[in-house]
Amino acid sequence: MINPEAKLAGNIFDKPAMASTREGFGKGVVEAGQTDERVVVLTADLAESTQAHHFQKAFPERFIQCGVAEQNMATVAAGMALYGKIPFFTSYAAFSPGRNWEQIRTTIGINNVPAVVCGMHAGVSVGPDGATHQALEDIALMRSIPHFTVISACDSEEGRKATIAAAKLGSPVYLRWGRDKSPVMTTSDTPFEIGKANVVWQARQGEALPCVAIFATGHLLYQALVAARQLEGEGVAVTVTNVHTIKPLDKETILREARAAGAVVTVEEHQIAGGFGGAIAELLAQECPLPIEFIGVHDKFGQSGEPKELIEHYGMGASHIVAAVEKVAARKK
């Protein structure tokens, strides 16, 4: 059942509100700008696609259009951060950090300055744009850079909170965003803290300990919740944890849930290699090795298609999560 402490929206399975996670950025960065005049926004000729146009309208004097020059945009942002600004710079994740990773590493990571990289249109749910624009490697790229915090919000409301929190962090951040509208699961009352995972689904009181702990990041958390509800109807107890902060991981919560269950499934819209599941596996290998299955893209590029169609094609829908739970539970036995 939905964990009452998670304070999720009450109608997420019936008729959830729909909004893209990038819309949360558009709202959150305006709020951050209202609170702190040091906040500035840069974009690489993609103001509307990245939702940066909301900040442009609210604070035109603090908005910089860099043109199609992502490498230059990263270094400009680094320079502004070194002189006291809090820059958010936006583009498609395929281009930033995909095209300008070296500039991000050298000018932002090494200097440890509070610039925020905003990678939009991540994952196959970009849809018809196809493989060239479907960033499936960005988590791996960004979690490998020292000093960076990496966040993948589950919905637009959590994305709004993550943006505001990133402006206050005082160190480099990568924020990952989706294009397609997805269910809004959280509310203004739902807890959010950078580095703190939230258990959003738990076994019913009086039931045995869960047999599998599901850890999900990004909008696929919804698919994990749908899978958990189906499994509950079949008498299979699981927990679902929303891990919005991929780096640093909330080791305490993840290890507690993993140990209680004895088996794990990770869920992400990203390559399995080097991604969120890899981060979980690294932690478990050090602290409590146990069976694990990975939901994500298995060493393939994306392709054009409808977002829901692609999620299913690449094995990331609720039915695939159910199958992974059944598989890893059998391995545990």
Protein backbone atom coordinates (compact mmCIF):
# COMPACT_ATOMS: atom_id res chain seq x y z
CA MET A 1 0.00 0.00 0.00
CA ILE A 2 1.08 3.62 -0.44
CA ASN A 3 3.16 4.67 2.52
CA PRO A 4 1.14 7.36 4.37
CA GLU A 5 4.36 9.11 5.38
CA ALA A 6 5.16 9.66 1.70
CA LYS A 7 2.11 11.96 1.38
CA LEU A 8 1.56 11.16 -2.28
CA ALA A 9 -1.38 12.44 -4.30
CA GLY A 10 -4.49 10.44 -3.50
CA ASN A 11 -5.68 9.66 -7.05
CA ILE A 12 -2.48 8.58 -8.77
CA PHE A 13 -3.93 5.26 -9.97
CA ASP A 14 -7.36 6.55 -10.97
CA LYS A 15 -6.87 9.71 -12.96
CA PRO A 16 -3.52 11.33 -12.19
CA ALA A 17 -2.67 14.86 -13.18
CA MET A 18 -0.16 14.90 -16.02
CA ALA A 19 2.83 17.21 -16.50
CA SER A 20 6.36 16.82 -17.77
CA THR A 21 9.15 16.95 -15.21
CA ARG A 22 10.72 19.82 -17.19
CA GLU A 23 7.63 21.91 -16.36
CA GLY A 24 8.69 21.60 -12.72
CA PHE A 25 12.01 23.16 -13.64
CA GLY A 26 10.29 26.07 -15.37
CA LYS A 27 8.29 26.85 -12.23
CA GLY A 28 11.06 26.12 -9.76
CA VAL A 29 13.73 28.25 -11.38
CA VAL A 30 11.42 31.28 -11.37
CA GLU A 31 10.79 30.73 -7.65
CA ALA A 32 14.51 30.38 -7.06
CA GLY A 33 15.08 33.61 -8.97
CA GLN A 34 12.50 35.44 -6.91
CA THR A 35 14.23 34.33 -3.72
CA ASP A 36 17.84 34.94 -4.79
CA GLU A 37 18.87 37.58 -7.31
CA ARG A 38 22.12 35.70 -7.94
CA VAL A 39 20.19 33.07 -9.92
CA VAL A 40 20.69 33.37 -13.67
CA VAL A 41 19.62 31.10 -16.54
CA LEU A 42 21.46 30.29 -19.76
CA THR A 43 20.27 28.28 -22.73
CA ALA A 44 21.60 27.07 -26.07
CA ASP A 45 18.83 28.24 -28.41
CA LEU A 46 16.24 26.08 -26.63
CA ALA A 47 14.41 28.42 -24.27
CA GLU A 48 10.91 27.01 -24.77
CA SER A 49 11.91 23.35 -25.07
CA THR A 50 13.80 23.56 -21.78
CA GLN A 51 11.13 25.73 -20.10
CA ALA A 52 13.76 28.42 -19.56
CA HIS A 53 11.44 30.92 -21.27
CA HIS A 54 9.51 31.31 -18.01
CA PHE A 55 12.62 32.71 -16.34
CA GLN A 56 13.36 34.80 -19.44
CA LYS A 57 9.95 36.42 -19.15
CA ALA A 58 10.24 37.02 -15.40
CA PHE A 59 13.87 38.18 -15.35
CA PRO A 60 15.00 39.18 -18.86
CA GLU A 61 18.10 40.94 -17.50
CA ARG A 62 19.27 37.68 -15.88
CA PHE A 63 18.69 35.46 -18.91
CA ILE A 64 21.46 34.68 -21.43
CA GLN A 65 20.88 33.19 -24.87
CA CYS A 66 24.15 31.48 -25.80
CA GLY A 67 23.06 30.11 -29.15
CA VAL A 68 23.97 26.66 -30.41
CA ALA A 69 27.25 26.58 -28.48
CA GLU A 70 26.93 24.20 -25.54
CA GLN A 71 30.66 24.06 -24.79
CA ASN A 72 30.81 27.83 -24.58
CA MET A 73 27.65 27.91 -22.45
CA ALA A 74 29.23 25.61 -19.84
CA THR A 75 32.34 27.77 -19.54
CA VAL A 76 30.30 30.98 -19.37
CA ALA A 77 28.25 29.43 -16.57
CA ALA A 78 31.43 28.41 -14.75
CA GLY A 79 32.80 31.93 -15.00
CA MET A 80 29.57 33.42 -13.67
CA ALA A 81 29.59 30.96 -10.77
CA LEU A 82 33.20 31.87 -9.93
CA TYR A 83 32.06 35.50 -9.63
CA GLY A 84 29.14 34.83 -7.30
CA LYS A 85 26.22 33.94 -9.56
CA ILE A 86 24.13 30.75 -9.40
CA PRO A 87 23.78 29.76 -13.06
CA PHE A 88 21.34 27.16 -14.36
CA PHE A 89 22.26 26.25 -17.93
CA THR A 90 19.85 24.32 -20.10
CA SER A 91 19.85 22.20 -23.22
CA TYR A 92 18.89 18.71 -24.32
CA ALA A 93 20.77 16.15 -22.24
CA ALA A 94 22.17 14.69 -25.49
CA PHE A 95 24.04 17.99 -25.92
CA SER A 96 24.57 19.07 -22.31
CA PRO A 97 26.23 17.06 -20.81
CA GLY A 98 26.50 14.96 -23.98
CA ARG A 99 28.44 17.49 -26.08
CA ASN A 100 30.12 19.63 -23.42
CA TRP A 101 31.11 17.04 -20.82
CA GLU A 102 34.80 18.02 -20.88
CA GLN A 103 34.00 21.69 -20.26
CA ILE A 104 31.64 20.74 -17.43
CA ARG A 105 34.30 18.50 -15.87
CA THR A 106 37.15 20.99 -16.19
CA THR A 107 35.53 24.36 -15.52
CA ILE A 108 32.75 23.39 -13.12
CA GLY A 109 33.68 20.07 -11.51
CA ILE A 110 37.34 20.77 -10.81
CA ASN A 111 36.58 24.29 -9.55
CA ASN A 112 33.63 22.99 -7.47
CA VAL A 113 31.44 25.98 -8.30
CA PRO A 114 27.63 26.12 -7.88
CA ALA A 115 26.63 25.80 -11.53
CA VAL A 116 23.57 23.67 -12.29
CA VAL A 117 23.54 21.56 -15.44
CA CYS A 118 19.99 20.97 -16.68
CA GLY A 119 19.73 18.06 -19.10
CA MET A 120 16.30 18.07 -20.74
CA HIS A 121 14.59 15.48 -22.96
CA ALA A 122 16.46 12.59 -21.32
CA GLY A 123 15.49 8.97 -21.97
CA VAL A 124 13.55 7.27 -24.75
CA SER A 125 10.33 9.00 -23.68
CA VAL A 126 11.47 11.94 -25.82
CA GLY A 127 9.63 9.88 -28.43
CA PRO A 128 9.77 10.76 -32.15
CA ASP A 129 13.05 12.70 -31.87
CA GLY A 130 14.87 9.37 -32.06
CA ALA A 131 18.23 8.00 -30.98
CA THR A 132 20.30 11.14 -31.56
CA HIS A 133 18.22 13.11 -29.05
CA GLN A 134 17.42 10.35 -26.54
CA ALA A 135 20.13 10.69 -23.90
CA LEU A 136 20.60 7.32 -22.22
CA GLU A 137 24.14 7.86 -20.94
CA ASP A 138 23.93 11.13 -19.02
CA ILE A 139 23.63 9.68 -15.50
CA ALA A 140 26.79 7.67 -16.11
CA LEU A 141 28.58 10.75 -17.41
CA MET A 142 27.60 13.02 -14.55
CA ARG A 143 27.84 10.74 -11.53
CA SER A 144 31.45 10.02 -12.50
CA ILE A 145 32.51 13.68 -12.01
CA PRO A 146 33.69 14.49 -8.47
CA HIS A 147 31.77 17.18 -6.54
CA PHE A 148 28.56 16.74 -8.58
CA THR A 149 25.19 15.99 -7.06
CA VAL A 150 22.90 14.11 -9.50
CA ILE A 151 19.10 14.36 -9.24
CA SER A 152 16.33 12.78 -11.32
CA ALA A 153 12.92 14.00 -10.17
CA CYS A 154 9.94 11.64 -10.31
CA ASP A 155 7.43 14.29 -11.42
CA SER A 156 6.94 18.00 -12.04
CA GLU A 157 6.24 18.89 -8.41
CA GLU A 158 9.33 17.11 -7.15
CA GLY A 159 11.24 18.76 -10.00
CA ARG A 160 10.11 22.17 -8.79
CA LYS A 161 11.41 21.39 -5.30
CA ALA A 162 14.65 19.95 -6.65
CA THR A 163 15.33 23.12 -8.65
CA ILE A 164 14.83 25.35 -5.64
CA ALA A 165 17.01 23.09 -3.52
CA ALA A 166 19.77 23.01 -6.16
CA ALA A 167 19.95 26.81 -6.10
CA LYS A 168 20.70 26.67 -2.38
CA LEU A 169 23.19 23.81 -2.38
CA GLY A 170 26.35 25.78 -3.13
CA SER A 171 28.03 23.06 -5.24
CA PRO A 172 27.71 21.57 -8.76
CA VAL A 173 24.42 19.83 -9.58
CA TYR A 174 23.09 17.84 -12.51
CA LEU A 175 19.30 17.91 -12.88
CA ARG A 176 17.80 15.36 -15.29
CA TRP A 177 14.48 16.16 -17.00
CA GLY A 178 11.92 14.44 -19.21
CA ARG A 179 9.95 15.84 -22.12
CA ASP A 180 6.76 13.80 -22.15
CA LYS A 181 3.92 14.42 -19.73
CA SER A 182 3.93 11.87 -16.91
CA PRO A 183 1.78 11.29 -13.80
CA VAL A 184 2.15 13.79 -10.95
CA MET A 185 2.50 11.59 -7.89
CA THR A 186 3.73 14.05 -5.28
CA THR A 187 2.19 17.16 -3.72
CA SER A 188 3.52 20.28 -2.04
CA ASP A 189 3.39 18.31 1.24
CA THR A 190 5.45 15.37 -0.01
CA PRO A 191 8.85 15.34 1.71
CA PHE A 192 11.84 16.28 -0.44
CA GLU A 193 15.44 16.64 0.66
CA ILE A 194 18.53 16.28 -1.51
CA GLY A 195 20.23 13.01 -0.61
CA LYS A 196 17.19 11.55 1.18
CA ALA A 197 15.27 8.72 -0.51
CA ASN A 198 11.56 8.25 0.25
CA VAL A 199 9.81 4.91 0.78
CA VAL A 200 6.55 5.41 -1.11
CA TRP A 201 5.10 1.88 -1.04
CA GLN A 202 5.22 -0.58 1.83
CA ALA A 203 3.74 -3.97 2.68
CA ARG A 204 0.41 -3.88 4.47
CA GLN A 205 0.63 -3.99 8.25
CA GLY A 206 0.63 -7.54 9.57
CA GLU A 207 2.08 -9.01 6.38
CA ALA A 208 5.45 -10.72 6.24
CA LEU A 209 8.56 -8.77 5.39
CA PRO A 210 8.73 -7.77 1.71
CA CYS A 211 10.42 -10.25 -0.58
CA VAL A 212 11.85 -7.58 -2.90
CA ALA A 213 12.86 -3.93 -2.53
CA ILE A 214 12.24 -1.85 -5.66
CA PHE A 215 14.37 1.28 -6.07
CA ALA A 216 13.22 3.66 -8.80
CA THR A 217 14.37 7.03 -10.08
CA GLY A 218 12.67 9.55 -12.35
CA HIS A 219 9.17 9.27 -13.80
CA LEU A 220 9.41 5.46 -13.99
CA LEU A 221 8.62 5.52 -10.28
CA TYR A 222 5.00 5.49 -11.46
CA GLN A 223 5.54 2.21 -13.33
CA ALA A 224 7.09 0.78 -10.16
CA LEU A 225 4.02 1.78 -8.14
CA VAL A 226 1.68 0.22 -10.70
CA ALA A 227 3.74 -2.96 -10.53
CA ALA A 228 3.65 -2.92 -6.71
CA ARG A 229 -0.13 -2.64 -6.71
CA GLN A 230 -0.40 -5.59 -9.09
CA LEU A 231 2.00 -7.66 -6.99
CA GLU A 232 0.06 -6.84 -3.84
CA GLY A 233 -3.08 -8.17 -5.52
CA GLU A 234 -1.17 -11.38 -6.17
CA GLY A 235 -0.07 -11.63 -2.55
CA VAL A 236 3.53 -10.57 -3.22
CA ALA A 237 4.85 -7.98 -0.75
CA VAL A 238 7.36 -5.39 -1.99
CA THR A 239 8.59 -1.96 -1.04
CA VAL A 240 9.10 0.88 -3.51
CA THR A 241 11.59 3.64 -2.77
CA ASN A 242 11.84 6.90 -4.72
CA VAL A 243 15.57 7.58 -5.11
CA HIS A 244 15.51 11.04 -6.66
CA THR A 245 19.10 11.75 -5.61
CA ILE A 246 21.35 9.34 -7.48
CA LYS A 247 24.50 10.94 -6.09
CA PRO A 248 25.01 10.98 -3.18
CA LEU A 249 22.86 7.93 -2.49
CA ASP A 250 20.88 7.70 0.72
CA LYS A 251 22.89 4.71 1.94
CA GLU A 252 20.98 4.32 5.20
CA THR A 253 17.53 4.00 3.60
CA ILE A 254 18.69 1.87 0.67
CA LEU A 255 20.61 -0.58 2.85
CA ARG A 256 17.74 -0.82 5.34
CA GLU A 257 15.17 -1.66 2.67
CA ALA A 258 17.51 -3.99 0.79
CA ARG A 259 18.42 -5.95 3.91
CA ALA A 260 14.81 -6.27 5.00
CA ALA A 261 13.81 -7.71 1.61
CA GLY A 262 16.88 -9.71 0.69
CA ALA A 263 16.55 -8.96 -3.04
CA VAL A 264 16.44 -5.80 -5.16
CA VAL A 265 15.08 -4.48 -8.46
CA THR A 266 16.30 -1.12 -9.80
CA VAL A 267 14.26 0.96 -12.26
CA GLU A 268 15.58 3.75 -14.51
CA GLU A 269 15.12 5.19 -18.01
CA HIS A 270 18.82 4.99 -18.83
CA GLN A 271 21.47 2.54 -19.96
CA ILE A 272 22.04 -0.17 -17.37
CA ALA A 273 25.80 0.31 -17.79
CA GLY A 274 27.00 3.04 -15.45
CA GLY A 275 23.55 4.26 -14.45
CA PHE A 276 21.36 4.35 -11.36
CA GLY A 277 21.22 0.57 -11.04
CA GLY A 278 24.99 0.46 -11.21
CA ALA A 279 25.20 2.95 -8.35
CA ILE A 280 22.88 0.77 -6.23
CA ALA A 281 24.85 -2.36 -7.14
CA GLU A 282 28.14 -0.72 -6.15
CA LEU A 283 26.72 0.13 -2.74
CA LEU A 284 25.26 -3.33 -2.18
CA ALA A 285 28.46 -5.04 -3.31
CA GLN A 286 30.35 -3.20 -0.58
CA GLU A 287 27.79 -3.43 2.21
CA CYS A 288 25.37 -6.34 1.67
CA PRO A 289 25.67 -8.41 -1.52
CA LEU A 290 22.32 -9.90 -2.59
CA PRO A 291 20.37 -10.78 -5.76
CA ILE A 292 19.55 -7.82 -7.99
CA GLU A 293 17.74 -7.28 -11.30
CA PHE A 294 17.99 -4.16 -13.46
CA ILE A 295 15.16 -2.44 -15.34
CA GLY A 296 16.50 -0.03 -17.94
CA VAL A 297 17.95 0.02 -21.44
CA HIS A 298 20.26 -2.93 -22.03
CA ASP A 299 23.10 -1.75 -24.30
CA LYS A 300 20.92 -0.36 -27.08
CA PHE A 301 20.30 3.03 -28.65
CA GLY A 302 16.84 4.55 -28.75
CA GLN A 303 14.62 4.99 -31.78
CA SER A 304 11.65 7.03 -32.95
CA GLY A 305 8.25 6.12 -31.55
CA GLU A 306 5.57 7.13 -29.11
CA PRO A 307 6.87 7.46 -25.52
CA LYS A 308 4.64 4.74 -24.04
CA GLU A 309 5.46 2.44 -26.92
CA LEU A 310 9.19 2.92 -26.39
CA ILE A 311 8.99 2.38 -22.64
CA GLU A 312 7.38 -0.98 -23.33
CA HIS A 313 9.68 -1.86 -26.22
CA TYR A 314 12.77 -1.37 -24.05
CA GLY A 315 11.35 -3.38 -21.16
CA MET A 316 10.68 -0.61 -18.65
CA GLY A 317 6.92 -0.85 -18.12
CA ALA A 318 5.06 -2.18 -15.08
CA SER A 319 4.75 -5.71 -16.50
CA HIS A 320 8.52 -5.91 -16.91
CA ILE A 321 9.03 -4.73 -13.34
CA VAL A 322 6.64 -7.44 -12.12
CA ALA A 323 8.61 -10.05 -14.08
CA ALA A 324 11.91 -8.76 -12.64
CA VAL A 325 10.48 -8.99 -9.10
CA GLU A 326 9.38 -12.57 -9.69
CA LYS A 327 12.75 -13.47 -11.18
CA VAL A 328 14.85 -11.98 -8.38
CA ALA A 329 12.57 -13.43 -5.69
CA ALA A 330 13.12 -16.89 -7.20
CA ARG A 331 16.88 -16.30 -7.23
CA LYS A 332 16.76 -15.40 -3.55
CA LYS A 333 15.06 -18.68 -2.71
